PDB file of N, CA and C in Angstrom:
ATOM      1  N   MET A   1       0.743  -1.230  -0.119  1.00  0.00           N
ATOM      2  CA  MET A   1       0.236   0.198  -0.059  1.00  0.00           C
ATOM      3  C   MET A   1       0.862   1.325   0.022  1.00  0.00           C
ATOM      4  N   ARG A   2       1.876   1.082   0.684  1.00  0.00           N
ATOM      5  CA  ARG A   2       2.901   2.479   0.643  1.00  0.00           C
ATOM      6  C   ARG A   2       3.498   2.610  -0.692  1.00  0.00           C
ATOM      7  N   LEU A   3       3.654   1.646  -1.572  1.00  0.00           N
ATOM      8  CA  LEU A   3       4.295   2.043  -2.785  1.00  0.00           C
ATOM      9  C   LEU A   3       3.012   2.643  -3.654  1.00  0.00           C
ATOM     10  N   TYR A   4       1.841   2.187  -3.546  1.00  0.00           N
ATOM     11  CA  TYR A   4       0.740   2.592  -4.032  1.00  0.00           C
ATOM     12  C   TYR A   4       0.300   4.227  -3.806  1.00  0.00           C
ATOM     13  N   LEU A   5       0.702   4.459  -2.601  1.00  0.00           N
ATOM     14  CA  LEU A   5       0.480   5.922  -2.023  1.00  0.00           C
ATOM     15  C   LEU A   5       1.629   6.823  -2.696  1.00  0.00           C
ATOM     16  N   LEU A   6       2.908   6.099  -2.689  1.00  0.00           N
ATOM     17  CA  LEU A   6       3.947   6.887  -3.363  1.00  0.00           C
ATOM     18  C   LEU A   6       3.805   7.180  -4.788  1.00  0.00           C
ATOM     19  N   GLY A   7       3.094   6.155  -5.450  1.00  0.00           N
ATOM     20  CA  GLY A   7       2.615   6.504  -6.818  1.00  0.00           C
ATOM     21  C   GLY A   7       1.940   7.757  -6.961  1.00  0.00           C
ATOM     22  N   HIS A   8       0.893   7.922  -5.903  1.00  0.00           N
ATOM     23  CA  HIS A   8      -0.146   9.033  -6.070  1.00  0.00           C
ATOM     24  C   HIS A   8       0.745  10.172  -5.805  1.00  0.00           C
ATOM     25  N   LEU A   9       1.706  10.255  -4.904  1.00  0.00           N
ATOM     26  CA  LEU A   9       2.381  11.161  -4.484  1.00  0.00           C
ATOM     27  C   LEU A   9       3.338  11.747  -5.669  1.00  0.00           C
ATOM     28  N   LEU A  10       3.773  10.825  -6.323  1.00  0.00           N
ATOM     29  CA  LEU A  10       4.711  11.202  -7.482  1.00  0.00           C
ATOM     30  C   LEU A  10       3.927  11.889  -8.472  1.00  0.00           C
ATOM     31  N   VAL A  11       2.648  11.496  -8.944  1.00  0.00           N
ATOM     32  CA  VAL A  11       1.441  11.994  -9.585  1.00  0.00           C
ATOM     33  C   VAL A  11       1.445  13.741  -9.329  1.00  0.00           C
ATOM     34  N   LEU A  12       1.465  13.835  -7.981  1.00  0.00           N
ATOM     35  CA  LEU A  12       1.246  15.226  -7.656  1.00  0.00           C
ATOM     36  C   LEU A  12       2.291  16.154  -7.856  1.00  0.00           C
ATOM     37  N   VAL A  13       3.584  15.461  -7.703  1.00  0.00           N
ATOM     38  CA  VAL A  13       4.735  16.127  -7.848  1.00  0.00           C
ATOM     39  C   VAL A  13       4.990  16.498  -9.464  1.00  0.00           C
ATOM     40  N   GLY A  14       4.759  15.289 -10.158  1.00  0.00           N
ATOM     41  CA  GLY A  14       4.720  15.362 -11.623  1.00  0.00           C
ATOM     42  C   GLY A  14       3.835  16.757 -12.087  1.00  0.00           C
ATOM     43  N   ALA A  15       2.705  16.668 -11.517  1.00  0.00           N
ATOM     44  CA  ALA A  15       1.561  17.875 -11.968  1.00  0.00           C
ATOM     45  C   ALA A  15       2.277  19.115 -11.516  1.00  0.00           C
ATOM     46  N   GLY A  16       2.873  19.118 -10.627  1.00  0.00           N
ATOM     47  CA  GLY A  16       3.559  20.392 -10.086  1.00  0.00           C
ATOM     48  C   GLY A  16       4.622  20.989 -10.983  1.00  0.00           C
ATOM     49  N   LEU A  17       5.706  19.900 -11.176  1.00  0.00           N
ATOM     50  CA  LEU A  17       6.659  20.047 -12.130  1.00  0.00           C
ATOM     51  C   LEU A  17       6.090  20.344 -13.541  1.00  0.00           C
ATOM     52  N   MET A  18       5.059  19.920 -13.899  1.00  0.00           N
ATOM     53  CA  MET A  18       4.419  20.301 -15.377  1.00  0.00           C
ATOM     54  C   MET A  18       4.282  21.642 -15.446  1.00  0.00           C
ATOM     55  N   GLU A  19       3.245  22.027 -14.144  1.00  0.00           N
ATOM     56  CA  GLU A  19       3.133  23.417 -14.462  1.00  0.00           C
ATOM     57  C   GLU A  19       4.275  24.588 -14.391  1.00  0.00           C
ATOM     58  N   MET A  20       5.224  23.864 -13.632  1.00  0.00           N
ATOM     59  CA  MET A  20       6.506  25.134 -13.460  1.00  0.00           C
ATOM     60  C   MET A  20       7.272  25.106 -14.683  1.00  0.00           C
ATOM     61  N   THR A  21       7.396  23.703 -15.265  1.00  0.00           N
ATOM     62  CA  THR A  21       8.363  23.633 -16.604  1.00  0.00           C
ATOM     63  C   THR A  21       7.455  23.948 -17.816  1.00  0.00           C
ATOM     64  N   GLN A  22       6.067  24.024 -17.765  1.00  0.00           N
ATOM     65  CA  GLN A  22       5.438  23.887 -19.018  1.00  0.00           C
ATOM     66  C   GLN A  22       5.692  22.893 -20.025  1.00  0.00           C
ATOM     67  N   SER A  23       5.982  21.766 -19.464  1.00  0.00           N
ATOM     68  CA  SER A  23       6.361  20.406 -20.350  1.00  0.00           C
ATOM     69  C   SER A  23       5.639  19.145 -19.737  1.00  0.00           C
ATOM     70  N   MET A  24       5.166  18.429 -20.682  1.00  0.00           N
ATOM     71  CA  MET A  24       4.320  17.137 -20.250  1.00  0.00           C
ATOM     72  C   MET A  24       5.302  16.102 -19.671  1.00  0.00           C
ATOM     73  N   LEU A  25       6.564  16.195 -19.966  1.00  0.00           N
ATOM     74  CA  LEU A  25       7.630  14.996 -19.543  1.00  0.00           C
ATOM     75  C   LEU A  25       7.447  14.794 -18.004  1.00  0.00           C
ATOM     76  N   PRO A  26       7.434  15.815 -17.177  1.00  0.00           N
ATOM     77  CA  PRO A  26       7.534  15.348 -15.611  1.00  0.00           C
ATOM     78  C   PRO A  26       6.164  14.429 -15.272  1.00  0.00           C
ATOM     79  N   MET A  27       5.010  14.799 -15.857  1.00  0.00           N
ATOM     80  CA  MET A  27       3.779  14.256 -15.696  1.00  0.00           C
ATOM     81  C   MET A  27       3.866  12.733 -16.075  1.00  0.00           C
ATOM     82  N   ALA A  28       4.205  12.835 -17.339  1.00  0.00           N
ATOM     83  CA  ALA A  28       4.612  11.429 -18.180  1.00  0.00           C
ATOM     84  C   ALA A  28       5.415  10.380 -17.263  1.00  0.00           C
ATOM     85  N   LEU A  29       6.332  10.946 -16.959  1.00  0.00           N
ATOM     86  CA  LEU A  29       7.323  10.136 -16.100  1.00  0.00           C
ATOM     87  C   LEU A  29       6.736   9.758 -14.666  1.00  0.00           C
ATOM     88  N   ALA A  30       5.925  10.720 -14.051  1.00  0.00           N
ATOM     89  CA  ALA A  30       5.529  10.388 -12.737  1.00  0.00           C
ATOM     90  C   ALA A  30       4.057   9.486 -12.949  1.00  0.00           C
ATOM     91  N   ALA A  31       3.495   9.449 -14.105  1.00  0.00           N
ATOM     92  CA  ALA A  31       2.281   8.613 -14.286  1.00  0.00           C
ATOM     93  C   ALA A  31       2.837   7.150 -14.551  1.00  0.00           C
ATOM     94  N   SER A  32       3.999   6.933 -15.296  1.00  0.00           N
ATOM     95  CA  SER A  32       4.617   5.718 -15.408  1.00  0.00           C
ATOM     96  C   SER A  32       5.061   5.228 -14.371  1.00  0.00           C
ATOM     97  N   ALA A  33       5.724   6.035 -13.398  1.00  0.00           N
ATOM     98  CA  ALA A  33       6.121   5.414 -12.298  1.00  0.00           C
ATOM     99  C   ALA A  33       4.869   4.912 -11.396  1.00  0.00           C
ATOM    100  N   ALA A  34       3.838   5.711 -11.233  1.00  0.00           N
ATOM    101  CA  ALA A  34       2.777   5.571 -10.398  1.00  0.00           C
ATOM    102  C   ALA A  34       1.998   4.009 -11.101  1.00  0.00           C
ATOM    103  N   VAL A  35       2.121   3.643 -12.173  1.00  0.00           N
ATOM    104  CA  VAL A  35       1.594   2.445 -12.773  1.00  0.00           C
ATOM    105  C   VAL A  35       2.479   1.317 -12.356  1.00  0.00           C
ATOM    106  N   MET A  36       3.646   1.511 -12.420  1.00  0.00           N
ATOM    107  CA  MET A  36       4.704   0.612 -12.019  1.00  0.00           C
ATOM    108  C   MET A  36       4.567   0.195 -10.579  1.00  0.00           C
ATOM    109  N   LEU A  37       4.287   1.284  -9.789  1.00  0.00           N
ATOM    110  CA  LEU A  37       4.379   1.074  -8.349  1.00  0.00           C
ATOM    111  C   LEU A  37       3.175   0.501  -7.746  1.00  0.00           C
ATOM    112  N   MET A  38       1.988   0.347  -8.726  1.00  0.00           N
ATOM    113  CA  MET A  38       0.595  -0.034  -8.545  1.00  0.00           C
ATOM    114  C   MET A  38       0.676  -1.829  -8.777  1.00  0.00           C
ATOM    115  N   VAL A  39       1.864  -2.171  -9.334  1.00  0.00           N
ATOM    116  CA  VAL A  39       1.743  -3.516  -9.656  1.00  0.00           C
ATOM    117  C   VAL A  39       1.912  -4.426  -8.585  1.00  0.00           C
ATOM    118  N   PRO A  40       2.678  -4.478  -7.563  1.00  0.00           N
ATOM    119  CA  PRO A  40       2.551  -5.413  -6.496  1.00  0.00           C
ATOM    120  C   PRO A  40       1.148  -5.180  -5.648  1.00  0.00           C
ATOM    121  N   LEU A  41       0.602  -3.937  -5.534  1.00  0.00           N
ATOM    122  CA  LEU A  41      -0.824  -4.191  -5.066  1.00  0.00           C
ATOM    123  C   LEU A  41      -1.843  -5.031  -5.802  1.00  0.00           C
ATOM    124  N   LEU A  42      -1.814  -4.698  -7.011  1.00  0.00           N
ATOM    125  CA  LEU A  42      -2.541  -5.633  -7.714  1.00  0.00           C
ATOM    126  C   LEU A  42      -2.396  -7.094  -7.803  1.00  0.00           C
ATOM    127  N   ARG A  43      -0.961  -7.480  -7.636  1.00  0.00           N
ATOM    128  CA  ARG A  43      -0.740  -8.916  -7.710  1.00  0.00           C
ATOM    129  C   ARG A  43      -1.270  -9.452  -6.377  1.00  0.00           C
ATOM    130  N   GLN A  44      -1.143  -8.731  -5.205  1.00  0.00           N
ATOM    131  CA  GLN A  44      -1.456  -9.209  -4.141  1.00  0.00           C
ATOM    132  C   GLN A  44      -2.937  -9.315  -4.080  1.00  0.00           C
ATOM    133  N   LEU A  45      -3.748  -8.232  -4.424  1.00  0.00           N
ATOM    134  CA  LEU A  45      -5.120  -8.382  -4.681  1.00  0.00           C
ATOM    135  C   LEU A  45      -5.619  -9.674  -5.577  1.00  0.00           C
ATOM    136  N   GLY A  46      -4.878  -9.810  -6.910  1.00  0.00           N
ATOM    137  CA  GLY A  46      -5.258 -10.937  -7.389  1.00  0.00           C
ATOM    138  C   GLY A  46      -5.002 -12.230  -6.765  1.00  0.00           C
ATOM    139  N   ALA A  47      -3.944 -12.238  -6.052  1.00  0.00           N
ATOM    140  CA  ALA A  47      -3.737 -13.458  -5.400  1.00  0.00           C
ATOM    141  C   ALA A  47      -4.761 -13.970  -4.217  1.00  0.00           C
ATOM    142  N   ARG A  48      -5.182 -12.709  -3.472  1.00  0.00           N
ATOM    143  CA  ARG A  48      -6.298 -12.937  -2.736  1.00  0.00           C
ATOM    144  C   ARG A  48      -7.473 -13.373  -3.312  1.00  0.00           C
ATOM    145  N   PHE A  49      -7.759 -12.830  -4.277  1.00  0.00           N
ATOM    146  CA  PHE A  49      -9.152 -13.324  -5.093  1.00  0.00           C
ATOM    147  C   PHE A  49      -9.199 -14.513  -5.531  1.00  0.00           C
ATOM    148  N   ALA A  50      -7.937 -15.020  -6.301  1.00  0.00           N
ATOM    149  CA  ALA A  50      -7.811 -16.641  -6.600  1.00  0.00           C
ATOM    150  C   ALA A  50      -7.828 -17.354  -5.613  1.00  0.00           C
ATOM    151  N   ARG A  51      -7.303 -17.006  -4.383  1.00  0.00           N
ATOM    152  CA  ARG A  51      -7.639 -17.771  -3.235  1.00  0.00           C
ATOM    153  C   ARG A  51      -9.103 -17.966  -2.919  1.00  0.00           C
ATOM    154  N   SER A  52      -9.850 -16.951  -2.859  1.00  0.00           N
ATOM    155  CA  SER A  52     -11.207 -17.016  -2.123  1.00  0.00           C
ATOM    156  C   SER A  52     -12.115 -17.841  -3.410  1.00  0.00           C
ATOM    157  N   ARG A  53     -11.655 -17.821  -4.712  1.00  0.00           N
ATOM    158  CA  ARG A  53     -12.385 -18.351  -5.728  1.00  0.00           C
ATOM    159  C   ARG A  53     -12.169 -19.961  -5.646  1.00  0.00           C
ATOM    160  N   ALA A  54     -10.963 -20.272  -5.121  1.00  0.00           N
ATOM    161  CA  ALA A  54     -10.508 -21.791  -4.927  1.00  0.00           C
ATOM    162  C   ALA A  54     -11.030 -22.297  -3.809  1.00  0.00           C
ATOM    163  N   ASP A  55     -11.521 -21.430  -2.913  1.00  0.00           N
ATOM    164  CA  ASP A  55     -11.939 -22.083  -1.521  1.00  0.00           C
ATOM    165  C   ASP A  55     -13.226 -21.399  -1.119  1.00  0.00           C
ATOM    166  N   PRO A  56     -14.508 -21.829  -1.821  1.00  0.00           N
ATOM    167  CA  PRO A  56     -15.722 -21.186  -1.539  1.00  0.00           C
ATOM    168  C   PRO A  56     -16.272 -21.154  -0.206  1.00  0.00           C
ATOM    169  N   THR A  57     -15.835 -21.886   0.746  1.00  0.00           N
ATOM    170  CA  THR A  57     -16.245 -22.041   2.055  1.00  0.00           C
ATOM    171  C   THR A  57     -15.620 -20.980   2.868  1.00  0.00           C
ATOM    172  N   ARG A  58     -14.806 -20.220   2.386  1.00  0.00           N
ATOM    173  CA  ARG A  58     -14.088 -19.148   3.118  1.00  0.00           C
ATOM    174  C   ARG A  58     -14.640 -17.923   2.567  1.00  0.00           C
ATOM    175  N   HIS A  59     -14.794 -16.886   3.422  1.00  0.00           N
ATOM    176  CA  HIS A  59     -15.417 -15.700   3.315  1.00  0.00           C
ATOM    177  C   HIS A  59     -14.448 -14.501   3.512  1.00  0.00           C
TER     178      HIS A  59
END
């Protein structure tokens, strides 16, 4: 979850730098980093979903 929140923070920083530099590059880099930092969270949630689908008695 920390990496996911760090990704959101990077998006905010990228937006600020985009405004200061008048360039889309900081926002593009920040958004790319945010997507990469979201992968571990998605894997964890996917594994949790797969376990719950495999064991229907577990809620």
